[in-house]
């Protein structure tokens, strides 16, 4: 999650895309949809598996990455950049307080067998 003011850009990490495999289909929430923190709001399908997407913050979906409709592999090539999933206007900025920062996530993925 990358936060700028009350707008959060949600995507998956490099570790997650690597674990998932080649993404072939992306289902995203609708613009204007209200979602609660922890709620299922989409899915990623790969050659290995399908995985639900749960929103790390609550609010209203402001934008979805329409590039993924025709190019779902962008999630694999640039998961932490152009392969973002959706942007959400947070209803409660404290939602991010319980999330891991980059260093904590790196340690977590290292412990899970990541790079």
PDB file of N, CA and C in Angstrom:
ATOM      1  N   UNK A   1       0.854  -1.176   0.000  1.00  0.00           N
ATOM      2  CA  UNK A   1       0.000   0.000   0.000  1.00  0.00           C
ATOM      3  C   UNK A   1       0.898   1.236   0.000  1.00  0.00           C
ATOM      4  N   UNK A   2       0.631   2.119  -0.939  1.00  0.00           N
ATOM      5  CA  UNK A   2       1.340   3.395  -0.992  1.00  0.00           C
ATOM      6  C   UNK A   2       0.304   4.476  -0.705  1.00  0.00           C
ATOM      7  N   UNK A   3       0.550   5.272   0.334  1.00  0.00           N
ATOM      8  CA  UNK A   3      -0.431   6.261   0.773  1.00  0.00           C
ATOM      9  C   UNK A   3       0.055   7.670   0.487  1.00  0.00           C
ATOM     10  N   UNK A   4      -0.831   8.466  -0.109  1.00  0.00           N
ATOM     11  CA  UNK A   4      -0.583   9.882  -0.341  1.00  0.00           C
ATOM     12  C   UNK A   4      -1.824  10.637   0.120  1.00  0.00           C
ATOM     13  N   UNK A   5      -1.732  11.268   1.279  1.00  0.00           N
ATOM     14  CA  UNK A   5      -2.907  11.919   1.849  1.00  0.00           C
ATOM     15  C   UNK A   5      -3.920  10.870   2.248  1.00  0.00           C
ATOM     16  N   UNK A   6      -5.138  10.984   1.724  1.00  0.00           N
ATOM     17  CA  UNK A   6      -6.161   9.986   2.044  1.00  0.00           C
ATOM     18  C   UNK A   6      -6.316   8.949   0.931  1.00  0.00           C
ATOM     19  N   UNK A   7      -5.458   9.024  -0.102  1.00  0.00           N
ATOM     20  CA  UNK A   7      -5.536   8.090  -1.229  1.00  0.00           C
ATOM     21  C   UNK A   7      -4.492   6.990  -1.071  1.00  0.00           C
ATOM     22  N   UNK A   8      -4.948   5.747  -1.082  1.00  0.00           N
ATOM     23  CA  UNK A   8      -4.060   4.590  -0.970  1.00  0.00           C
ATOM     24  C   UNK A   8      -4.056   3.824  -2.286  1.00  0.00           C
ATOM     25  N   UNK A   9      -2.871   3.537  -2.786  1.00  0.00           N
ATOM     26  CA  UNK A   9      -2.720   2.712  -3.980  1.00  0.00           C
ATOM     27  C   UNK A   9      -2.416   1.297  -3.516  1.00  0.00           C
ATOM     28  N   UNK A  10      -3.239   0.349  -3.948  1.00  0.00           N
ATOM     29  CA  UNK A  10      -3.140  -1.030  -3.493  1.00  0.00           C
ATOM     30  C   UNK A  10      -2.636  -1.911  -4.626  1.00  0.00           C
ATOM     31  N   UNK A  11      -1.684  -2.752  -4.288  1.00  0.00           N
ATOM     32  CA  UNK A  11      -1.154  -3.719  -5.242  1.00  0.00           C
ATOM     33  C   UNK A  11      -0.672  -4.935  -4.474  1.00  0.00           C
ATOM     34  N   UNK A  12       0.102  -5.776  -5.133  1.00  0.00           N
ATOM     35  CA  UNK A  12       0.702  -6.906  -4.435  1.00  0.00           C
ATOM     36  C   UNK A  12       2.215  -6.748  -4.475  1.00  0.00           C
ATOM     37  N   UNK A  13       2.878  -7.433  -3.587  1.00  0.00           N
ATOM     38  CA  UNK A  13       4.332  -7.337  -3.508  1.00  0.00           C
ATOM     39  C   UNK A  13       4.997  -8.253  -4.531  1.00  0.00           C
ATOM     40  N   UNK A  14       6.275  -8.043  -4.725  1.00  0.00           N
ATOM     41  CA  UNK A  14       7.045  -8.913  -5.605  1.00  0.00           C
ATOM     42  C   UNK A  14       7.021 -10.344  -5.070  1.00  0.00           C
ATOM     43  N   UNK A  15       7.131 -10.498  -3.759  1.00  0.00           N
ATOM     44  CA  UNK A  15       7.069 -11.822  -3.139  1.00  0.00           C
ATOM     45  C   UNK A  15       5.741 -12.505  -3.474  1.00  0.00           C
ATOM     46  N   UNK A  16       4.641 -11.774  -3.352  1.00  0.00           N
ATOM     47  CA  UNK A  16       3.314 -12.339  -3.611  1.00  0.00           C
ATOM     48  C   UNK A  16       3.144 -12.736  -5.075  1.00  0.00           C
ATOM     49  N   UNK A  17       3.592 -11.872  -6.003  1.00  0.00           N
ATOM     50  CA  UNK A  17       3.432 -12.216  -7.418  1.00  0.00           C
ATOM     51  C   UNK A  17       4.289 -13.413  -7.779  1.00  0.00           C
ATOM     52  N   UNK A  18       5.460 -13.522  -7.167  1.00  0.00           N
ATOM     53  CA  UNK A  18       6.343 -14.655  -7.425  1.00  0.00           C
ATOM     54  C   UNK A  18       5.709 -15.947  -6.915  1.00  0.00           C
ATOM     55  N   UNK A  19       5.076 -15.882  -5.762  1.00  0.00           N
ATOM     56  CA  UNK A  19       4.404 -17.046  -5.187  1.00  0.00           C
ATOM     57  C   UNK A  19       3.193 -17.451  -6.017  1.00  0.00           C
ATOM     58  N   UNK A  20       2.509 -16.471  -6.570  1.00  0.00           N
ATOM     59  CA  UNK A  20       1.292 -16.721  -7.336  1.00  0.00           C
ATOM     60  C   UNK A  20       1.588 -17.321  -8.705  1.00  0.00           C
ATOM     61  N   UNK A  21       2.653 -16.888  -9.335  1.00  0.00           N
ATOM     62  CA  UNK A  21       2.964 -17.340 -10.689  1.00  0.00           C
ATOM     63  C   UNK A  21       2.396 -16.376 -11.716  1.00  0.00           C
ATOM     64  N   UNK A  22       2.458 -16.760 -12.980  1.00  0.00           N
ATOM     65  CA  UNK A  22       2.032 -15.888 -14.078  1.00  0.00           C
ATOM     66  C   UNK A  22       0.540 -15.572 -13.991  1.00  0.00           C
ATOM     67  N   UNK A  23       0.235 -14.305 -13.766  1.00  0.00           N
ATOM     68  CA  UNK A  23      -1.154 -13.861 -13.651  1.00  0.00           C
ATOM     69  C   UNK A  23      -1.771 -13.787 -15.049  1.00  0.00           C
ATOM     70  N   UNK A  24      -2.938 -14.437 -15.206  1.00  0.00           N
ATOM     71  CA  UNK A  24      -3.617 -14.473 -16.502  1.00  0.00           C
ATOM     72  C   UNK A  24      -4.966 -13.755 -16.492  1.00  0.00           C
ATOM     73  N   UNK A  25      -5.470 -13.442 -15.292  1.00  0.00           N
ATOM     74  CA  UNK A  25      -6.764 -12.750 -15.198  1.00  0.00           C
ATOM     75  C   UNK A  25      -6.813 -11.962 -13.893  1.00  0.00           C
ATOM     76  N   UNK A  26      -7.376 -10.762 -13.978  1.00  0.00           N
ATOM     77  CA  UNK A  26      -7.504  -9.890 -12.806  1.00  0.00           C
ATOM     78  C   UNK A  26      -8.954  -9.429 -12.698  1.00  0.00           C
ATOM     79  N   UNK A  27      -9.540  -9.594 -11.522  1.00  0.00           N
ATOM     80  CA  UNK A  27     -10.876  -9.082 -11.226  1.00  0.00           C
ATOM     81  C   UNK A  27     -10.717  -8.002 -10.165  1.00  0.00           C
ATOM     82  N   UNK A  28     -11.228  -6.817 -10.451  1.00  0.00           N
ATOM     83  CA  UNK A  28     -11.046  -5.680  -9.554  1.00  0.00           C
ATOM     84  C   UNK A  28     -12.393  -5.135  -9.084  1.00  0.00           C
ATOM     85  N   UNK A  29     -12.394  -4.387  -7.978  1.00  0.00           N
ATOM     86  CA  UNK A  29     -13.650  -3.788  -7.512  1.00  0.00           C
ATOM     87  C   UNK A  29     -14.109  -2.704  -8.484  1.00  0.00           C
ATOM     88  N   UNK A  30     -15.351  -2.296  -8.344  1.00  0.00           N
ATOM     89  CA  UNK A  30     -15.903  -1.235  -9.184  1.00  0.00           C
ATOM     90  C   UNK A  30     -15.545   0.136  -8.612  1.00  0.00           C
ATOM     91  N   UNK A  31     -15.270   1.080  -9.491  1.00  0.00           N
ATOM     92  CA  UNK A  31     -15.064   2.460  -9.053  1.00  0.00           C
ATOM     93  C   UNK A  31     -16.339   2.928  -8.361  1.00  0.00           C
ATOM     94  N   UNK A  32     -16.186   3.552  -7.223  1.00  0.00           N
ATOM     95  CA  UNK A  32     -17.322   4.009  -6.438  1.00  0.00           C
ATOM     96  C   UNK A  32     -17.781   3.011  -5.398  1.00  0.00           C
ATOM     97  N   UNK A  33     -17.293   1.780  -5.485  1.00  0.00           N
ATOM     98  CA  UNK A  33     -17.655   0.748  -4.518  1.00  0.00           C
ATOM     99  C   UNK A  33     -17.041   1.077  -3.164  1.00  0.00           C
ATOM    100  N   UNK A  34     -17.819   0.903  -2.104  1.00  0.00           N
ATOM    101  CA  UNK A  34     -17.324   1.089  -0.743  1.00  0.00           C
ATOM    102  C   UNK A  34     -16.910  -0.274  -0.205  1.00  0.00           C
ATOM    103  N   UNK A  35     -15.690  -0.332   0.346  1.00  0.00           N
ATOM    104  CA  UNK A  35     -15.180  -1.581   0.902  1.00  0.00           C
ATOM    105  C   UNK A  35     -14.676  -1.348   2.321  1.00  0.00           C
ATOM    106  N   UNK A  36     -14.771  -2.381   3.127  1.00  0.00           N
ATOM    107  CA  UNK A  36     -14.284  -2.337   4.500  1.00  0.00           C
ATOM    108  C   UNK A  36     -12.931  -3.026   4.579  1.00  0.00           C
ATOM    109  N   UNK A  37     -12.087  -2.545   5.465  1.00  0.00           N
ATOM    110  CA  UNK A  37     -10.776  -3.147   5.665  1.00  0.00           C
ATOM    111  C   UNK A  37     -10.923  -4.650   5.868  1.00  0.00           C
ATOM    112  N   UNK A  38     -10.116  -5.433   5.143  1.00  0.00           N
ATOM    113  CA  UNK A  38     -10.126  -6.881   5.266  1.00  0.00           C
ATOM    114  C   UNK A  38     -11.143  -7.587   4.391  1.00  0.00           C
ATOM    115  N   UNK A  39     -11.960  -6.825   3.668  1.00  0.00           N
ATOM    116  CA  UNK A  39     -13.018  -7.385   2.835  1.00  0.00           C
ATOM    117  C   UNK A  39     -12.468  -7.849   1.486  1.00  0.00           C
ATOM    118  N   UNK A  40     -13.014  -8.940   0.975  1.00  0.00           N
ATOM    119  CA  UNK A  40     -12.651  -9.412  -0.360  1.00  0.00           C
ATOM    120  C   UNK A  40     -13.148  -8.396  -1.385  1.00  0.00           C
ATOM    121  N   UNK A  41     -12.280  -8.032  -2.314  1.00  0.00           N
ATOM    122  CA  UNK A  41     -12.708  -7.026  -3.302  1.00  0.00           C
ATOM    123  C   UNK A  41     -12.149  -7.306  -4.694  1.00  0.00           C
ATOM    124  N   UNK A  42     -11.727  -8.511  -4.943  1.00  0.00           N
ATOM    125  CA  UNK A  42     -11.227  -8.856  -6.260  1.00  0.00           C
ATOM    126  C   UNK A  42     -10.542 -10.203  -6.220  1.00  0.00           C
ATOM    127  N   UNK A  43      -9.911 -10.551  -7.348  1.00  0.00           N
ATOM    128  CA  UNK A  43      -9.206 -11.829  -7.430  1.00  0.00           C
ATOM    129  C   UNK A  43      -8.122 -11.754  -8.490  1.00  0.00           C
ATOM    130  N   UNK A  44      -7.105 -12.567  -8.284  1.00  0.00           N
ATOM    131  CA  UNK A  44      -6.040 -12.740  -9.267  1.00  0.00           C
ATOM    132  C   UNK A  44      -5.997 -14.217  -9.614  1.00  0.00           C
ATOM    133  N   UNK A  45      -6.013 -14.515 -10.908  1.00  0.00           N
ATOM    134  CA  UNK A  45      -5.905 -15.898 -11.341  1.00  0.00           C
ATOM    135  C   UNK A  45      -4.596 -16.066 -12.086  1.00  0.00           C
ATOM    136  N   UNK A  46      -3.896 -17.131 -11.746  1.00  0.00           N
ATOM    137  CA  UNK A  46      -2.625 -17.409 -12.394  1.00  0.00           C
ATOM    138  C   UNK A  46      -2.661 -18.812 -12.977  1.00  0.00           C
ATOM    139  N   UNK A  47      -1.563 -19.189 -13.618  1.00  0.00           N
ATOM    140  CA  UNK A  47      -1.482 -20.540 -14.160  1.00  0.00           C
ATOM    141  C   UNK A  47      -1.419 -21.567 -13.035  1.00  0.00           C
ATOM    142  N   UNK A  48      -1.056 -21.136 -11.824  1.00  0.00           N
ATOM    143  CA  UNK A  48      -0.949 -22.049 -10.673  1.00  0.00           C
ATOM    144  C   UNK A  48      -2.193 -22.087  -9.802  1.00  0.00           C
ATOM    145  N   UNK A  49      -2.833 -20.932  -9.611  1.00  0.00           N
ATOM    146  CA  UNK A  49      -3.919 -20.858  -8.625  1.00  0.00           C
ATOM    147  C   UNK A  49      -4.737 -19.595  -8.809  1.00  0.00           C
ATOM    148  N   UNK A  50      -5.847 -19.538  -8.097  1.00  0.00           N
ATOM    149  CA  UNK A  50      -6.643 -18.306  -8.005  1.00  0.00           C
ATOM    150  C   UNK A  50      -6.512 -17.814  -6.575  1.00  0.00           C
ATOM    151  N   UNK A  51      -6.425 -16.508  -6.422  1.00  0.00           N
ATOM    152  CA  UNK A  51      -6.257 -15.930  -5.093  1.00  0.00           C
ATOM    153  C   UNK A  51      -7.161 -14.713  -4.944  1.00  0.00           C
ATOM    154  N   UNK A  52      -7.927 -14.687  -3.868  1.00  0.00           N
ATOM    155  CA  UNK A  52      -8.770 -13.532  -3.592  1.00  0.00           C
ATOM    156  C   UNK A  52      -7.906 -12.358  -3.167  1.00  0.00           C
ATOM    157  N   UNK A  53      -8.379 -11.155  -3.467  1.00  0.00           N
ATOM    158  CA  UNK A  53      -7.711  -9.926  -3.044  1.00  0.00           C
ATOM    159  C   UNK A  53      -8.546  -9.324  -1.927  1.00  0.00           C
ATOM    160  N   UNK A  54      -7.902  -9.057  -0.800  1.00  0.00           N
ATOM    161  CA  UNK A  54      -8.561  -8.448   0.353  1.00  0.00           C
ATOM    162  C   UNK A  54      -7.998  -7.046   0.536  1.00  0.00           C
ATOM    163  N   UNK A  55      -8.869  -6.084   0.737  1.00  0.00           N
ATOM    164  CA  UNK A  55      -8.407  -4.709   0.844  1.00  0.00           C
ATOM    165  C   UNK A  55      -7.771  -4.445   2.206  1.00  0.00           C
ATOM    166  N   UNK A  56      -6.575  -3.861   2.220  1.00  0.00           N
ATOM    167  CA  UNK A  56      -5.895  -3.592   3.480  1.00  0.00           C
ATOM    168  C   UNK A  56      -6.432  -2.355   4.210  1.00  0.00           C
ATOM    169  N   UNK A  57      -7.212  -1.538   3.508  1.00  0.00           N
ATOM    170  CA  UNK A  57      -7.801  -0.332   4.090  1.00  0.00           C
ATOM    171  C   UNK A  57      -9.241  -0.199   3.599  1.00  0.00           C
ATOM    172  N   UNK A  58     -10.063   0.476   4.374  1.00  0.00           N
ATOM    173  CA  UNK A  58     -11.448   0.687   3.988  1.00  0.00           C
ATOM    174  C   UNK A  58     -11.647   2.044   3.336  1.00  0.00           C
ATOM    175  N   UNK A  59     -12.702   2.144   2.549  1.00  0.00           N
ATOM    176  CA  UNK A  59     -13.023   3.406   1.904  1.00  0.00           C
ATOM    177  C   UNK A  59     -13.777   3.193   0.607  1.00  0.00           C
ATOM    178  N   UNK A  60     -13.629   4.156  -0.295  1.00  0.00           N
ATOM    179  CA  UNK A  60     -14.317   4.120  -1.578  1.00  0.00           C
ATOM    180  C   UNK A  60     -13.300   3.982  -2.699  1.00  0.00           C
ATOM    181  N   UNK A  61     -13.527   3.017  -3.577  1.00  0.00           N
ATOM    182  CA  UNK A  61     -12.624   2.795  -4.700  1.00  0.00           C
ATOM    183  C   UNK A  61     -12.685   4.005  -5.623  1.00  0.00           C
ATOM    184  N   UNK A  62     -11.540   4.644  -5.821  1.00  0.00           N
ATOM    185  CA  UNK A  62     -11.464   5.859  -6.629  1.00  0.00           C
ATOM    186  C   UNK A  62     -11.050   5.576  -8.068  1.00  0.00           C
ATOM    187  N   UNK A  63     -10.276   4.519  -8.259  1.00  0.00           N
ATOM    188  CA  UNK A  63      -9.744   4.212  -9.590  1.00  0.00           C
ATOM    189  C   UNK A  63      -9.298   2.754  -9.608  1.00  0.00           C
ATOM    190  N   UNK A  64      -9.430   2.110 -10.752  1.00  0.00           N
ATOM    191  CA  UNK A  64      -8.872   0.772 -10.946  1.00  0.00           C
ATOM    192  C   UNK A  64      -7.883   0.838 -12.095  1.00  0.00           C
ATOM    193  N   UNK A  65      -6.928  -0.059 -12.081  1.00  0.00           N
ATOM    194  CA  UNK A  65      -5.907  -0.086 -13.119  1.00  0.00           C
ATOM    195  C   UNK A  65      -6.461  -0.809 -14.343  1.00  0.00           C
ATOM    196  N   UNK A  66      -7.021  -0.048 -15.269  1.00  0.00           N
ATOM    197  CA  UNK A  66      -7.647  -0.630 -16.459  1.00  0.00           C
ATOM    198  C   UNK A  66      -6.632  -1.286 -17.390  1.00  0.00           C
ATOM    199  N   UNK A  67      -5.349  -0.966 -17.240  1.00  0.00           N
ATOM    200  CA  UNK A  67      -4.314  -1.616 -18.064  1.00  0.00           C
ATOM    201  C   UNK A  67      -4.286  -3.119 -17.824  1.00  0.00           C
ATOM    202  N   UNK A  68      -4.726  -3.539 -16.646  1.00  0.00           N
ATOM    203  CA  UNK A  68      -4.665  -4.958 -16.296  1.00  0.00           C
ATOM    204  C   UNK A  68      -5.707  -5.795 -17.027  1.00  0.00           C
ATOM    205  N   UNK A  69      -6.754  -5.147 -17.553  1.00  0.00           N
ATOM    206  CA  UNK A  69      -7.784  -5.883 -18.290  1.00  0.00           C
ATOM    207  C   UNK A  69      -7.181  -6.607 -19.487  1.00  0.00           C
ATOM    208  N   UNK A  70      -6.361  -5.900 -20.254  1.00  0.00           N
ATOM    209  CA  UNK A  70      -5.743  -6.474 -21.450  1.00  0.00           C
ATOM    210  C   UNK A  70      -4.333  -6.976 -21.202  1.00  0.00           C
ATOM    211  N   UNK A  71      -3.765  -6.636 -20.046  1.00  0.00           N
ATOM    212  CA  UNK A  71      -2.380  -6.975 -19.771  1.00  0.00           C
ATOM    213  C   UNK A  71      -2.206  -7.408 -18.308  1.00  0.00           C
ATOM    214  N   UNK A  72      -2.826  -8.528 -17.907  1.00  0.00           N
ATOM    215  CA  UNK A  72      -2.741  -8.951 -16.505  1.00  0.00           C
ATOM    216  C   UNK A  72      -1.313  -9.287 -16.073  1.00  0.00           C
ATOM    217  N   UNK A  73      -0.453  -9.641 -17.017  1.00  0.00           N
ATOM    218  CA  UNK A  73       0.934  -9.957 -16.695  1.00  0.00           C
ATOM    219  C   UNK A  73       1.714  -8.774 -16.141  1.00  0.00           C
ATOM    220  N   UNK A  74       1.151  -7.580 -16.267  1.00  0.00           N
ATOM    221  CA  UNK A  74       1.786  -6.392 -15.696  1.00  0.00           C
ATOM    222  C   UNK A  74       1.921  -6.532 -14.173  1.00  0.00           C
ATOM    223  N   UNK A  75       1.016  -7.291 -13.574  1.00  0.00           N
ATOM    224  CA  UNK A  75       1.098  -7.556 -12.137  1.00  0.00           C
ATOM    225  C   UNK A  75       2.405  -8.284 -11.821  1.00  0.00           C
ATOM    226  N   UNK A  76       2.842  -9.177 -12.709  1.00  0.00           N
ATOM    227  CA  UNK A  76       4.095  -9.900 -12.502  1.00  0.00           C
ATOM    228  C   UNK A  76       5.315  -9.043 -12.819  1.00  0.00           C
ATOM    229  N   UNK A  77       5.227  -8.296 -13.895  1.00  0.00           N
ATOM    230  CA  UNK A  77       6.395  -7.521 -14.329  1.00  0.00           C
ATOM    231  C   UNK A  77       6.676  -6.314 -13.443  1.00  0.00           C
ATOM    232  N   UNK A  78       5.625  -5.655 -12.965  1.00  0.00           N
ATOM    233  CA  UNK A  78       5.798  -4.449 -12.145  1.00  0.00           C
ATOM    234  C   UNK A  78       4.786  -4.429 -10.989  1.00  0.00           C
ATOM    235  N   UNK A  79       4.863  -5.418 -10.089  1.00  0.00           N
ATOM    236  CA  UNK A  79       3.855  -5.512  -9.033  1.00  0.00           C
ATOM    237  C   UNK A  79       3.831  -4.309  -8.094  1.00  0.00           C
ATOM    238  N   UNK A  80       4.964  -3.686  -7.888  1.00  0.00           N
ATOM    239  CA  UNK A  80       5.030  -2.559  -6.965  1.00  0.00           C
ATOM    240  C   UNK A  80       5.131  -1.229  -7.709  1.00  0.00           C
ATOM    241  N   UNK A  81       4.763  -1.268  -9.002  1.00  0.00           N
ATOM    242  CA  UNK A  81       4.803  -0.064  -9.826  1.00  0.00           C
ATOM    243  C   UNK A  81       3.559   0.011 -10.694  1.00  0.00           C
ATOM    244  N   UNK A  82       3.739  -0.110 -12.010  1.00  0.00           N
ATOM    245  CA  UNK A  82       2.625   0.006 -12.963  1.00  0.00           C
ATOM    246  C   UNK A  82       1.601  -1.127 -12.855  1.00  0.00           C
ATOM    247  N   UNK A  83       1.925  -2.163 -12.086  1.00  0.00           N
ATOM    248  CA  UNK A  83       1.004  -3.284 -11.915  1.00  0.00           C
ATOM    249  C   UNK A  83       0.087  -3.143 -10.707  1.00  0.00           C
ATOM    250  N   UNK A  84      -0.065  -1.901 -10.200  1.00  0.00           N
ATOM    251  CA  UNK A  84      -0.978  -1.665  -9.069  1.00  0.00           C
ATOM    252  C   UNK A  84      -2.389  -2.107  -9.441  1.00  0.00           C
ATOM    253  N   UNK A  85      -3.202  -2.400  -8.433  1.00  0.00           N
ATOM    254  CA  UNK A  85      -4.545  -2.924  -8.670  1.00  0.00           C
ATOM    255  C   UNK A  85      -5.623  -1.838  -8.654  1.00  0.00           C
ATOM    256  N   UNK A  86      -5.720  -1.106  -7.547  1.00  0.00           N
ATOM    257  CA  UNK A  86      -6.749  -0.066  -7.437  1.00  0.00           C
ATOM    258  C   UNK A  86      -6.310   1.006  -6.451  1.00  0.00           C
ATOM    259  N   UNK A  87      -6.985   2.136  -6.529  1.00  0.00           N
ATOM    260  CA  UNK A  87      -6.750   3.242  -5.599  1.00  0.00           C
ATOM    261  C   UNK A  87      -8.035   3.461  -4.811  1.00  0.00           C
ATOM    262  N   UNK A  88      -7.856   3.716  -3.533  1.00  0.00           N
ATOM    263  CA  UNK A  88      -9.002   3.855  -2.652  1.00  0.00           C
ATOM    264  C   UNK A  88      -8.865   5.112  -1.801  1.00  0.00           C
ATOM    265  N   UNK A  89      -9.947   5.872  -1.715  1.00  0.00           N
ATOM    266  CA  UNK A  89      -9.989   7.014  -0.809  1.00  0.00           C
ATOM    267  C   UNK A  89     -10.365   6.455   0.558  1.00  0.00           C
ATOM    268  N   UNK A  90      -9.393   6.503   1.469  1.00  0.00           N
ATOM    269  CA  UNK A  90      -9.588   5.868   2.777  1.00  0.00           C
ATOM    270  C   UNK A  90     -10.643   6.606   3.603  1.00  0.00           C
ATOM    271  N   UNK A  91     -11.490   5.832   4.255  1.00  0.00           N
ATOM    272  CA  UNK A  91     -12.481   6.416   5.148  1.00  0.00           C
ATOM    273  C   UNK A  91     -11.903   6.620   6.544  1.00  0.00           C
ATOM    274  N   UNK A  92     -10.825   5.900   6.859  1.00  0.00           N
ATOM    275  CA  UNK A  92     -10.194   6.015   8.173  1.00  0.00           C
ATOM    276  C   UNK A  92      -8.685   5.842   7.998  1.00  0.00           C
ATOM    277  N   UNK A  93      -7.950   6.927   8.119  1.00  0.00           N
ATOM    278  CA  UNK A  93      -6.506   6.874   7.873  1.00  0.00           C
ATOM    279  C   UNK A  93      -5.770   5.995   8.885  1.00  0.00           C
ATOM    280  N   UNK A  94      -6.410   5.664  10.003  1.00  0.00           N
ATOM    281  CA  UNK A  94      -5.745   4.792  10.973  1.00  0.00           C
ATOM    282  C   UNK A  94      -5.736   3.329  10.521  1.00  0.00           C
ATOM    283  N   UNK A  95      -6.439   3.008   9.435  1.00  0.00           N
ATOM    284  CA  UNK A  95      -6.404   1.644   8.891  1.00  0.00           C
ATOM    285  C   UNK A  95      -4.975   1.202   8.579  1.00  0.00           C
ATOM    286  N   UNK A  96      -4.128   2.142   8.214  1.00  0.00           N
ATOM    287  CA  UNK A  96      -2.760   1.766   7.840  1.00  0.00           C
ATOM    288  C   UNK A  96      -1.875   1.495   9.058  1.00  0.00           C
ATOM    289  N   UNK A  97      -2.330   1.886  10.239  1.00  0.00           N
ATOM    290  CA  UNK A  97      -1.502   1.748  11.437  1.00  0.00           C
ATOM    291  C   UNK A  97      -1.093   0.312  11.736  1.00  0.00           C
ATOM    292  N   UNK A  98      -1.924  -0.643  11.457  1.00  0.00           N
ATOM    293  CA  UNK A  98      -1.620  -2.043  11.758  1.00  0.00           C
ATOM    294  C   UNK A  98      -0.886  -2.783  10.655  1.00  0.00           C
ATOM    295  N   UNK A  99      -0.600  -2.108   9.547  1.00  0.00           N
ATOM    296  CA  UNK A  99       0.075  -2.774   8.429  1.00  0.00           C
ATOM    297  C   UNK A  99       1.589  -2.791   8.635  1.00  0.00           C
ATOM    298  N   UNK A 100       2.236  -3.800   8.078  1.00  0.00           N
ATOM    299  CA  UNK A 100       3.691  -3.875   8.153  1.00  0.00           C
ATOM    300  C   UNK A 100       4.319  -2.803   7.280  1.00  0.00           C
ATOM    301  N   UNK A 101       5.443  -2.250   7.746  1.00  0.00           N
ATOM    302  CA  UNK A 101       6.209  -1.358   6.873  1.00  0.00           C
ATOM    303  C   UNK A 101       7.110  -2.225   5.990  1.00  0.00           C
ATOM    304  N   UNK A 102       7.847  -1.600   5.102  1.00  0.00           N
ATOM    305  CA  UNK A 102       8.651  -2.353   4.139  1.00  0.00           C
ATOM    306  C   UNK A 102       9.674  -3.265   4.814  1.00  0.00           C
ATOM    307  N   UNK A 103      10.356  -2.781   5.841  1.00  0.00           N
ATOM    308  CA  UNK A 103      11.361  -3.588   6.542  1.00  0.00           C
ATOM    309  C   UNK A 103      10.723  -4.785   7.262  1.00  0.00           C
ATOM    310  N   UNK A 104       9.581  -4.555   7.904  1.00  0.00           N
ATOM    311  CA  UNK A 104       8.881  -5.644   8.587  1.00  0.00           C
ATOM    312  C   UNK A 104       8.421  -6.705   7.585  1.00  0.00           C
ATOM    313  N   UNK A 105       7.922  -6.251   6.431  1.00  0.00           N
ATOM    314  CA  UNK A 105       7.463  -7.188   5.414  1.00  0.00           C
ATOM    315  C   UNK A 105       8.628  -7.990   4.847  1.00  0.00           C
ATOM    316  N   UNK A 106       9.757  -7.338   4.626  1.00  0.00           N
ATOM    317  CA  UNK A 106      10.952  -8.027   4.121  1.00  0.00           C
ATOM    318  C   UNK A 106      11.363  -9.125   5.099  1.00  0.00           C
ATOM    319  N   UNK A 107      11.396  -8.817   6.388  1.00  0.00           N
ATOM    320  CA  UNK A 107      11.749  -9.823   7.391  1.00  0.00           C
ATOM    321  C   UNK A 107      10.728 -10.959   7.379  1.00  0.00           C
ATOM    322  N   UNK A 108       9.448 -10.628   7.288  1.00  0.00           N
ATOM    323  CA  UNK A 108       8.388 -11.633   7.247  1.00  0.00           C
ATOM    324  C   UNK A 108       8.558 -12.561   6.051  1.00  0.00           C
ATOM    325  N   UNK A 109       8.799 -12.005   4.874  1.00  0.00           N
ATOM    326  CA  UNK A 109       8.941 -12.845   3.681  1.00  0.00           C
ATOM    327  C   UNK A 109      10.229 -13.642   3.712  1.00  0.00           C
ATOM    328  N   UNK A 110      11.287 -13.088   4.301  1.00  0.00           N
ATOM    329  CA  UNK A 110      12.527 -13.850   4.461  1.00  0.00           C
ATOM    330  C   UNK A 110      12.277 -15.067   5.351  1.00  0.00           C
ATOM    331  N   UNK A 111      11.507 -14.861   6.424  1.00  0.00           N
ATOM    332  CA  UNK A 111      11.178 -15.953   7.343  1.00  0.00           C
ATOM    333  C   UNK A 111      10.278 -16.989   6.676  1.00  0.00           C
ATOM    334  N   UNK A 112       9.503 -16.559   5.673  1.00  0.00           N
ATOM    335  CA  UNK A 112       8.591 -17.447   4.956  1.00  0.00           C
ATOM    336  C   UNK A 112       9.278 -18.151   3.779  1.00  0.00           C
ATOM    337  N   UNK A 113      10.569 -17.909   3.608  1.00  0.00           N
ATOM    338  CA  UNK A 113      11.288 -18.561   2.510  1.00  0.00           C
ATOM    339  C   UNK A 113      11.443 -17.685   1.286  1.00  0.00           C
ATOM    340  N   UNK A 114      11.212 -16.385   1.438  1.00  0.00           N
ATOM    341  CA  UNK A 114      11.372 -15.464   0.310  1.00  0.00           C
ATOM    342  C   UNK A 114      12.832 -15.124   0.106  1.00  0.00           C
ATOM    343  N   UNK A 115      13.073 -14.173  -0.801  1.00  0.00           N
ATOM    344  CA  UNK A 115      14.455 -13.795  -1.049  1.00  0.00           C
ATOM    345  C   UNK A 115      14.829 -12.726  -0.146  1.00  0.00           C
TER     346      UNK A 115
END
